[in-house]
Amino acid sequence: MDIYSVYLIFGALFAGIWAAGILLSSASLGERIRFSFILIASSLWLLSGAAFISGWIFRLPFAFGIHLPFVFGIAPVLVLHFQITLLKENVSLLEILPHFIPSIFCFLLLIPYWTSGEEFQIRILESFGRSGEPYPLILAFLQIGPKISLLVYLIPLLFTYKMYFYKRKQDEGEENARRLFLLFLGLVSILIFAGLLGFLLRSTELIRGSMYGLPLLIVFAFLVSQREPTSLGIIGKSLREVRYKRSRLVGTDERTLRDRLEALMREEKIYADEDLTLGQLARELELTNHQLSEFLNNRLSMKFSDYINSWRIKEAKTLLLEETERSILSISESVGFNSKSAFNEAFKKFTDHTPSDYRKNAKRT
């Protein structure tokens, strides 16, 4: 075993041990599962690289590709971690599942390889990247697919964090946390781009450079998370404390704000716009996104999505009773829901009944 394989295995073990530590931490279950998944998937990615470099993959050809469905999941889990933990968005299962279609598709494409004999598997590995046959080409694309996915997800995430953290000047500790987090995302993007470029140009140096940089990046992320807990790792609670440590509603007449918000809902029925976002509502109220988010979370004790849906369901209850011949789907669309399933889920959350049961029970009484 050469030194490079040992180095990659060290990185894989380090990521695995860190993942175990996070699972045993006091953070919320969701945060622990999401970030541990990212580290475990990275660990499998490094082990795969070590298997190729050392030649072990030819002794255990059935192990090829085991990491790929997990690695395809790194990018969506990062984004979901951001949405759920930091933005406190209410992300439904229907919104989550499409992000993992590439992982499922990857798994299905690998089944023919895994279920074939060892002779076929070794032939595929030996012709990997050189054969013009369709299936080896598909497997070659699966190798670069996670890199493409990560770049597509990471670049918007990087800009989103930049928008959040550089809007206002905070104290020196928070400034360092912002810089370190942005530096981490920037380094990840550079490594991934180098690896992708290496595959496209068939440059062994770029591919290996990208691979060898990953253990260093994992160790760097760990050290930064120990020094600045708000910058990496389990970020949600710490960053929410940063965001709300100083109220952004100072100088705002909260009673007037409450009245204006209610008028937008009751009179203009702005909630009926199915594409309504926190930013659009904030602009209507002449607030920043942070101010409106703080007002909803801290003063009304509701997430943005729950607040909007509460008004939608209130209107839907009225329509269900007054327009008895109108279909439930038509009513759900008129109050701002873009699917019947989302309407049913929200209606049951606020009333403990489905829309059809609510209408039937009202008729009986």
Protein backbone atom coordinates (compact mmCIF):
# COMPACT_ATOMS: atom_id res chain seq x y z
CA MET A 1 0.00 0.00 0.00
CA ASP A 2 1.46 3.35 -1.05
CA ILE A 3 1.53 6.52 1.03
CA TYR A 4 -1.23 8.19 -0.99
CA SER A 5 -3.69 5.40 -0.25
CA VAL A 6 -2.79 5.56 3.46
CA TYR A 7 -3.37 9.32 3.35
CA LEU A 8 -6.84 8.93 1.82
CA ILE A 9 -7.75 6.20 4.31
CA PHE A 10 -6.67 8.51 7.14
CA GLY A 11 -9.01 11.19 5.76
CA ALA A 12 -11.85 8.67 5.55
CA LEU A 13 -11.31 7.51 9.15
CA PHE A 14 -11.06 11.09 10.39
CA ALA A 15 -14.37 11.99 8.70
CA GLY A 16 -16.01 8.85 10.13
CA ILE A 17 -14.82 9.58 13.68
CA TRP A 18 -15.98 13.20 13.42
CA ALA A 19 -19.38 12.00 12.18
CA ALA A 20 -19.65 9.69 15.21
CA GLY A 21 -18.80 12.62 17.49
CA ILE A 22 -21.53 14.76 15.94
CA LEU A 23 -24.08 11.97 16.34
CA LEU A 24 -23.25 11.87 20.05
CA SER A 25 -23.40 15.66 20.46
CA SER A 26 -26.20 17.68 22.06
CA ALA A 27 -27.38 19.28 18.82
CA SER A 28 -30.84 18.57 17.45
CA LEU A 29 -31.42 15.16 15.88
CA GLY A 30 -32.01 16.60 12.42
CA GLU A 31 -28.79 18.63 12.48
CA ARG A 32 -26.79 15.62 13.68
CA ILE A 33 -28.18 13.30 11.00
CA ARG A 34 -27.72 15.75 8.14
CA PHE A 35 -24.13 16.77 8.89
CA SER A 36 -23.08 13.22 9.82
CA PHE A 37 -24.44 12.02 6.48
CA ILE A 38 -22.25 14.57 4.67
CA LEU A 39 -19.16 13.37 6.54
CA ILE A 40 -19.93 9.66 6.09
CA ALA A 41 -20.55 10.13 2.37
CA SER A 42 -17.22 12.01 2.13
CA SER A 43 -15.53 9.15 3.97
CA LEU A 44 -16.89 6.61 1.46
CA TRP A 45 -15.72 8.87 -1.39
CA LEU A 46 -12.18 8.87 0.01
CA LEU A 47 -12.18 5.09 0.50
CA SER A 48 -13.23 4.69 -3.13
CA GLY A 49 -10.30 6.87 -4.22
CA ALA A 50 -7.91 4.81 -2.10
CA ALA A 51 -9.27 1.59 -3.64
CA PHE A 52 -8.57 2.86 -7.16
CA ILE A 53 -5.09 4.19 -6.41
CA SER A 54 -3.96 1.05 -4.55
CA GLY A 55 -5.53 -1.34 -7.06
CA TRP A 56 -7.73 -2.97 -4.40
CA ILE A 57 -10.75 -2.32 -6.58
CA PHE A 58 -9.59 -5.10 -8.93
CA ARG A 59 -9.45 -7.55 -6.01
CA LEU A 60 -12.90 -6.47 -4.80
CA PRO A 61 -14.60 -5.30 -8.02
CA PHE A 62 -18.10 -5.66 -6.53
CA ALA A 63 -17.30 -2.70 -4.22
CA PHE A 64 -17.11 -0.26 -7.13
CA GLY A 65 -19.76 2.46 -7.02
CA ILE A 66 -21.06 1.76 -3.52
CA HIS A 67 -20.21 5.33 -2.54
CA LEU A 68 -21.89 7.02 -5.50
CA PRO A 69 -25.57 7.09 -4.40
CA PHE A 70 -24.43 8.56 -1.08
CA VAL A 71 -22.10 11.12 -2.68
CA PHE A 72 -24.92 12.29 -4.96
CA GLY A 73 -26.80 13.08 -1.74
CA ILE A 74 -24.14 15.42 -0.29
CA ALA A 75 -25.27 18.49 -2.25
CA PRO A 76 -29.02 18.25 -1.50
CA VAL A 77 -28.37 17.48 2.17
CA LEU A 78 -26.16 20.59 2.42
CA VAL A 79 -28.95 22.74 0.99
CA LEU A 80 -31.63 21.12 3.14
CA HIS A 81 -29.41 21.66 6.17
CA PHE A 82 -29.25 25.33 5.24
CA GLN A 83 -33.01 25.67 4.65
CA ILE A 84 -34.22 23.74 7.67
CA THR A 85 -31.59 24.68 10.26
CA LEU A 86 -30.66 28.23 9.38
CA LEU A 87 -33.71 29.60 7.55
CA LYS A 88 -36.11 27.55 9.72
CA GLU A 89 -38.17 26.77 6.64
CA ASN A 90 -40.90 24.17 6.84
CA VAL A 91 -39.77 21.80 4.08
CA SER A 92 -42.27 19.05 3.30
CA LEU A 93 -41.40 15.50 2.27
CA LEU A 94 -42.71 16.22 -1.24
CA GLU A 95 -40.19 19.07 -1.54
CA ILE A 96 -37.31 16.95 -0.21
CA LEU A 97 -37.74 13.80 -2.34
CA PRO A 98 -36.98 15.31 -5.80
CA HIS A 99 -33.51 16.30 -4.57
CA PHE A 100 -32.65 12.61 -4.15
CA ILE A 101 -33.80 11.43 -7.58
CA PRO A 102 -30.16 11.47 -8.87
CA SER A 103 -29.13 9.20 -5.97
CA ILE A 104 -31.95 6.76 -6.74
CA PHE A 105 -31.24 6.89 -10.48
CA CYS A 106 -27.54 6.28 -9.80
CA PHE A 107 -28.36 3.24 -7.65
CA LEU A 108 -30.56 1.77 -10.41
CA LEU A 109 -27.85 2.30 -13.04
CA LEU A 110 -25.31 0.45 -10.89
CA ILE A 111 -27.50 -2.62 -10.34
CA PRO A 112 -26.47 -4.27 -13.66
CA TYR A 113 -22.82 -3.92 -12.66
CA TRP A 114 -23.32 -5.28 -9.14
CA THR A 115 -25.40 -8.24 -10.31
CA SER A 116 -22.95 -9.28 -13.05
CA GLY A 117 -20.10 -11.70 -12.63
CA GLU A 118 -16.59 -10.78 -11.51
CA GLU A 119 -15.19 -11.20 -15.02
CA PHE A 120 -17.60 -8.61 -16.43
CA GLN A 121 -16.88 -6.23 -13.53
CA ILE A 122 -13.11 -6.39 -14.02
CA ARG A 123 -13.52 -5.87 -17.78
CA ILE A 124 -15.57 -2.74 -17.08
CA LEU A 125 -12.98 -1.42 -14.63
CA GLU A 126 -10.08 -2.09 -17.01
CA SER A 127 -11.82 -0.25 -19.85
CA PHE A 128 -13.03 2.53 -17.57
CA GLY A 129 -12.86 5.92 -19.31
CA ARG A 130 -11.43 4.35 -22.51
CA SER A 131 -14.23 2.24 -23.87
CA GLY A 132 -16.77 3.65 -26.30
CA GLU A 133 -19.46 1.20 -25.15
CA PRO A 134 -22.59 2.83 -23.63
CA TYR A 135 -22.52 1.24 -20.18
CA PRO A 136 -18.87 2.08 -19.31
CA LEU A 137 -19.56 5.62 -20.49
CA ILE A 138 -22.58 5.80 -18.17
CA LEU A 139 -20.44 4.62 -15.25
CA ALA A 140 -17.79 7.21 -16.15
CA PHE A 141 -20.43 9.95 -16.09
CA LEU A 142 -21.63 8.75 -12.69
CA GLN A 143 -18.12 9.46 -11.40
CA ILE A 144 -18.34 13.16 -12.34
CA GLY A 145 -22.07 13.52 -11.60
CA PRO A 146 -21.61 14.31 -7.88
CA LYS A 147 -19.07 17.03 -8.74
CA ILE A 148 -21.52 18.67 -11.13
CA SER A 149 -24.27 18.38 -8.52
CA LEU A 150 -22.12 19.94 -5.82
CA LEU A 151 -21.17 22.91 -7.98
CA VAL A 152 -24.80 23.49 -8.98
CA TYR A 153 -25.86 23.47 -5.33
CA LEU A 154 -22.84 25.09 -3.70
CA ILE A 155 -22.48 28.22 -5.78
CA PRO A 156 -26.01 29.51 -4.98
CA LEU A 157 -25.49 28.48 -1.35
CA LEU A 158 -22.26 30.49 -1.23
CA PHE A 159 -23.97 33.58 -2.57
CA THR A 160 -26.92 33.10 -0.21
CA TYR A 161 -24.62 33.05 2.82
CA LYS A 162 -22.79 36.11 1.49
CA MET A 163 -26.07 37.98 1.32
CA TYR A 164 -27.02 36.99 4.85
CA PHE A 165 -23.74 37.69 6.57
CA TYR A 166 -22.55 40.84 4.88
CA LYS A 167 -25.67 42.93 5.14
CA ARG A 168 -24.76 44.45 8.48
CA LYS A 169 -21.61 44.86 10.44
CA GLN A 170 -21.41 42.69 13.54
CA ASP A 171 -18.76 42.29 16.21
CA GLU A 172 -15.30 40.90 15.46
CA GLY A 173 -16.08 37.31 16.47
CA GLU A 174 -19.05 37.12 14.11
CA GLU A 175 -16.97 38.73 11.35
CA ASN A 176 -14.39 35.96 11.68
CA ALA A 177 -17.09 33.30 11.59
CA ARG A 178 -18.49 34.74 8.37
CA ARG A 179 -15.09 34.86 6.70
CA LEU A 180 -14.19 31.30 7.75
CA PHE A 181 -17.45 29.84 6.52
CA LEU A 182 -17.18 31.59 3.17
CA LEU A 183 -13.55 30.47 2.92
CA PHE A 184 -14.61 26.87 3.56
CA LEU A 185 -17.28 26.94 0.84
CA GLY A 186 -14.85 28.60 -1.54
CA LEU A 187 -12.23 25.89 -0.97
CA VAL A 188 -14.82 23.15 -1.50
CA SER A 189 -15.86 24.73 -4.78
CA ILE A 190 -12.24 25.03 -5.97
CA LEU A 191 -11.50 21.37 -5.17
CA ILE A 192 -14.64 20.15 -6.90
CA PHE A 193 -14.02 22.30 -9.96
CA ALA A 194 -10.44 21.01 -10.19
CA GLY A 195 -11.62 17.42 -10.04
CA LEU A 196 -14.32 18.00 -12.65
CA LEU A 197 -11.84 19.75 -14.94
CA GLY A 198 -9.45 16.85 -14.49
CA PHE A 199 -12.07 14.35 -15.70
CA LEU A 200 -12.95 16.51 -18.69
CA LEU A 201 -9.30 17.08 -19.67
CA ARG A 202 -8.23 13.57 -18.61
CA SER A 203 -5.63 15.14 -16.35
CA THR A 204 -4.48 12.69 -13.67
CA GLU A 205 -2.74 15.52 -11.80
CA LEU A 206 -5.95 17.56 -11.41
CA ILE A 207 -8.01 14.52 -10.41
CA ARG A 208 -5.50 13.45 -7.79
CA GLY A 209 -5.00 17.00 -6.58
CA SER A 210 -8.73 17.30 -6.00
CA MET A 211 -8.80 13.93 -4.25
CA TYR A 212 -5.81 14.67 -2.03
CA GLY A 213 -7.24 18.04 -1.04
CA LEU A 214 -10.38 16.54 0.48
CA PRO A 215 -8.75 15.09 3.66
CA LEU A 216 -7.01 18.43 4.26
CA LEU A 217 -10.32 20.24 3.84
CA ILE A 218 -12.07 17.90 6.29
CA VAL A 219 -9.34 18.45 8.92
CA PHE A 220 -9.47 22.20 8.26
CA ALA A 221 -13.27 22.18 8.69
CA PHE A 222 -12.93 20.30 11.97
CA LEU A 223 -10.34 22.72 13.36
CA VAL A 224 -12.42 25.72 12.32
CA SER A 225 -15.54 24.23 13.90
CA GLN A 226 -13.66 23.86 17.20
CA ARG A 227 -12.43 27.44 17.12
CA GLU A 228 -15.58 29.05 15.68
CA PRO A 229 -18.63 26.85 16.40
CA THR A 230 -20.85 29.29 14.48
CA SER A 231 -18.94 28.92 11.23
CA LEU A 232 -19.16 25.21 10.38
CA GLY A 233 -20.63 21.99 11.58
CA ILE A 234 -23.87 22.21 13.53
CA ILE A 235 -24.61 25.80 12.64
CA GLY A 236 -28.30 26.33 13.24
CA LYS A 237 -28.63 27.24 16.89
CA SER A 238 -25.47 29.33 16.97
CA LEU A 239 -26.32 31.29 13.86
CA ARG A 240 -29.88 31.93 14.98
CA GLU A 241 -28.42 33.38 18.18
CA VAL A 242 -26.15 35.58 16.06
CA ARG A 243 -29.07 36.76 13.96
CA TYR A 244 -31.34 37.60 16.86
CA LYS A 245 -28.84 38.57 19.56
CA ARG A 246 -29.50 42.17 18.67
CA SER A 247 -33.11 42.85 17.74
CA ARG A 248 -33.46 44.25 14.25
CA LEU A 249 -36.87 45.65 15.14
CA VAL A 250 -35.48 48.52 17.20
CA GLY A 251 -37.17 51.73 16.03
CA THR A 252 -40.05 49.84 14.43
CA ASP A 253 -43.60 50.44 15.65
CA GLU A 254 -44.60 46.82 16.19
CA ARG A 255 -48.28 47.58 16.71
CA THR A 256 -48.43 49.41 13.38
CA LEU A 257 -46.47 46.61 11.76
CA ARG A 258 -48.93 44.03 13.10
CA ASP A 259 -51.88 46.06 11.77
CA ARG A 260 -50.28 46.50 8.33
CA LEU A 261 -49.50 42.81 8.13
CA GLU A 262 -53.04 41.85 9.08
CA ALA A 263 -54.46 44.30 6.52
CA LEU A 264 -52.38 42.69 3.77
CA MET A 265 -53.82 39.34 4.75
CA ARG A 266 -57.41 40.25 5.53
CA GLU A 267 -58.09 42.95 2.91
CA GLU A 268 -55.67 42.30 0.06
CA LYS A 269 -55.47 38.53 0.64
CA ILE A 270 -51.82 38.52 -0.39
CA TYR A 271 -51.56 34.96 0.88
CA ALA A 272 -53.52 33.78 -2.18
CA ASP A 273 -50.39 34.22 -4.30
CA GLU A 274 -48.95 30.71 -4.43
CA ASP A 275 -45.49 32.12 -5.21
CA LEU A 276 -45.44 34.50 -2.24
CA THR A 277 -42.04 34.56 -0.52
CA LEU A 278 -40.68 36.04 2.68
CA GLY A 279 -38.78 38.61 0.62
CA GLN A 280 -41.88 39.77 -1.28
CA LEU A 281 -43.90 40.18 1.90
CA ALA A 282 -40.99 42.02 3.56
CA ARG A 283 -40.86 44.48 0.64
CA GLU A 284 -44.61 45.12 0.95
CA LEU A 285 -44.04 46.01 4.61
CA GLU A 286 -40.84 47.99 3.86
CA LEU A 287 -38.79 45.66 6.05
CA THR A 288 -35.69 43.54 5.50
CA ASN A 289 -36.06 39.77 5.34
CA HIS A 290 -34.39 39.51 8.74
CA GLN A 291 -36.77 42.00 10.37
CA LEU A 292 -39.88 40.22 9.11
CA SER A 293 -38.46 36.82 10.03
CA GLU A 294 -37.67 38.05 13.55
CA PHE A 295 -41.14 39.58 13.93
CA LEU A 296 -42.89 36.37 12.86
CA ASN A 297 -40.66 34.05 14.89
CA ASN A 298 -40.22 36.08 18.07
CA ARG A 299 -43.44 38.12 18.26
CA LEU A 300 -46.00 35.82 16.64
CA SER A 301 -44.17 32.54 17.38
CA MET A 302 -44.75 31.30 13.84
CA LYS A 303 -42.59 30.44 10.85
CA PHE A 304 -43.31 32.36 7.66
CA SER A 305 -44.82 29.32 5.96
CA ASP A 306 -47.06 28.53 8.97
CA TYR A 307 -48.23 32.14 9.21
CA ILE A 308 -49.22 32.29 5.52
CA ASN A 309 -50.83 28.85 5.63
CA SER A 310 -52.88 29.79 8.70
CA TRP A 311 -54.56 32.55 6.68
CA ARG A 312 -55.00 30.27 3.70
CA ILE A 313 -56.68 27.62 5.81
CA LYS A 314 -58.89 30.20 7.51
CA GLU A 315 -60.15 31.36 4.10
CA ALA A 316 -60.49 27.78 2.87
CA LYS A 317 -62.70 26.86 5.84
CA THR A 318 -65.06 29.66 4.92
CA LEU A 319 -65.18 28.68 1.24
CA LEU A 320 -65.75 25.00 2.04
CA LEU A 321 -68.90 25.89 3.95
CA GLU A 322 -70.20 28.72 1.76
CA GLU A 323 -69.49 27.24 -1.69
CA THR A 324 -70.59 23.66 -1.17
CA GLU A 325 -70.67 22.81 -4.90
CA ARG A 326 -67.13 24.01 -5.49
CA SER A 327 -64.42 21.36 -5.67
CA ILE A 328 -61.78 21.10 -2.96
CA LEU A 329 -59.04 21.40 -5.59
CA SER A 330 -60.50 24.68 -6.86
CA ILE A 331 -60.70 26.06 -3.32
CA SER A 332 -57.13 25.00 -2.52
CA GLU A 333 -55.83 26.80 -5.62
CA SER A 334 -57.85 29.93 -4.90
CA VAL A 335 -56.31 30.35 -1.43
CA GLY A 336 -52.72 29.90 -2.64
CA PHE A 337 -51.82 26.20 -2.56
CA ASN A 338 -50.15 24.78 -5.66
CA SER A 339 -51.18 21.17 -5.02
CA LYS A 340 -54.03 19.34 -3.36
CA SER A 341 -51.63 17.24 -1.28
CA ALA A 342 -50.00 20.36 0.21
CA PHE A 343 -53.45 21.77 0.96
CA ASN A 344 -54.59 18.56 2.68
CA GLU A 345 -51.40 18.43 4.75
CA ALA A 346 -51.72 22.04 5.91
CA PHE A 347 -55.48 21.77 6.51
CA LYS A 348 -55.02 18.73 8.73
CA LYS A 349 -52.18 20.47 10.59
CA PHE A 350 -54.39 23.43 11.54
CA THR A 351 -57.76 21.68 12.00
CA ASP A 352 -57.00 18.00 12.69
CA HIS A 353 -59.36 17.15 9.80
CA THR A 354 -59.06 16.71 6.08
CA PRO A 355 -60.96 19.28 3.96
CA SER A 356 -63.52 16.69 2.86
CA ASP A 357 -64.13 15.54 6.45
CA TYR A 358 -64.45 19.16 7.60
CA ARG A 359 -67.11 19.81 4.95
CA LYS A 360 -68.99 16.56 5.73
CA ASN A 361 -69.00 17.24 9.47
CA ALA A 362 -70.32 20.75 8.89
CA LYS A 363 -73.20 19.40 6.79
CA ARG A 364 -74.22 17.00 9.55
CA THR A 365 -74.45 19.78 12.09
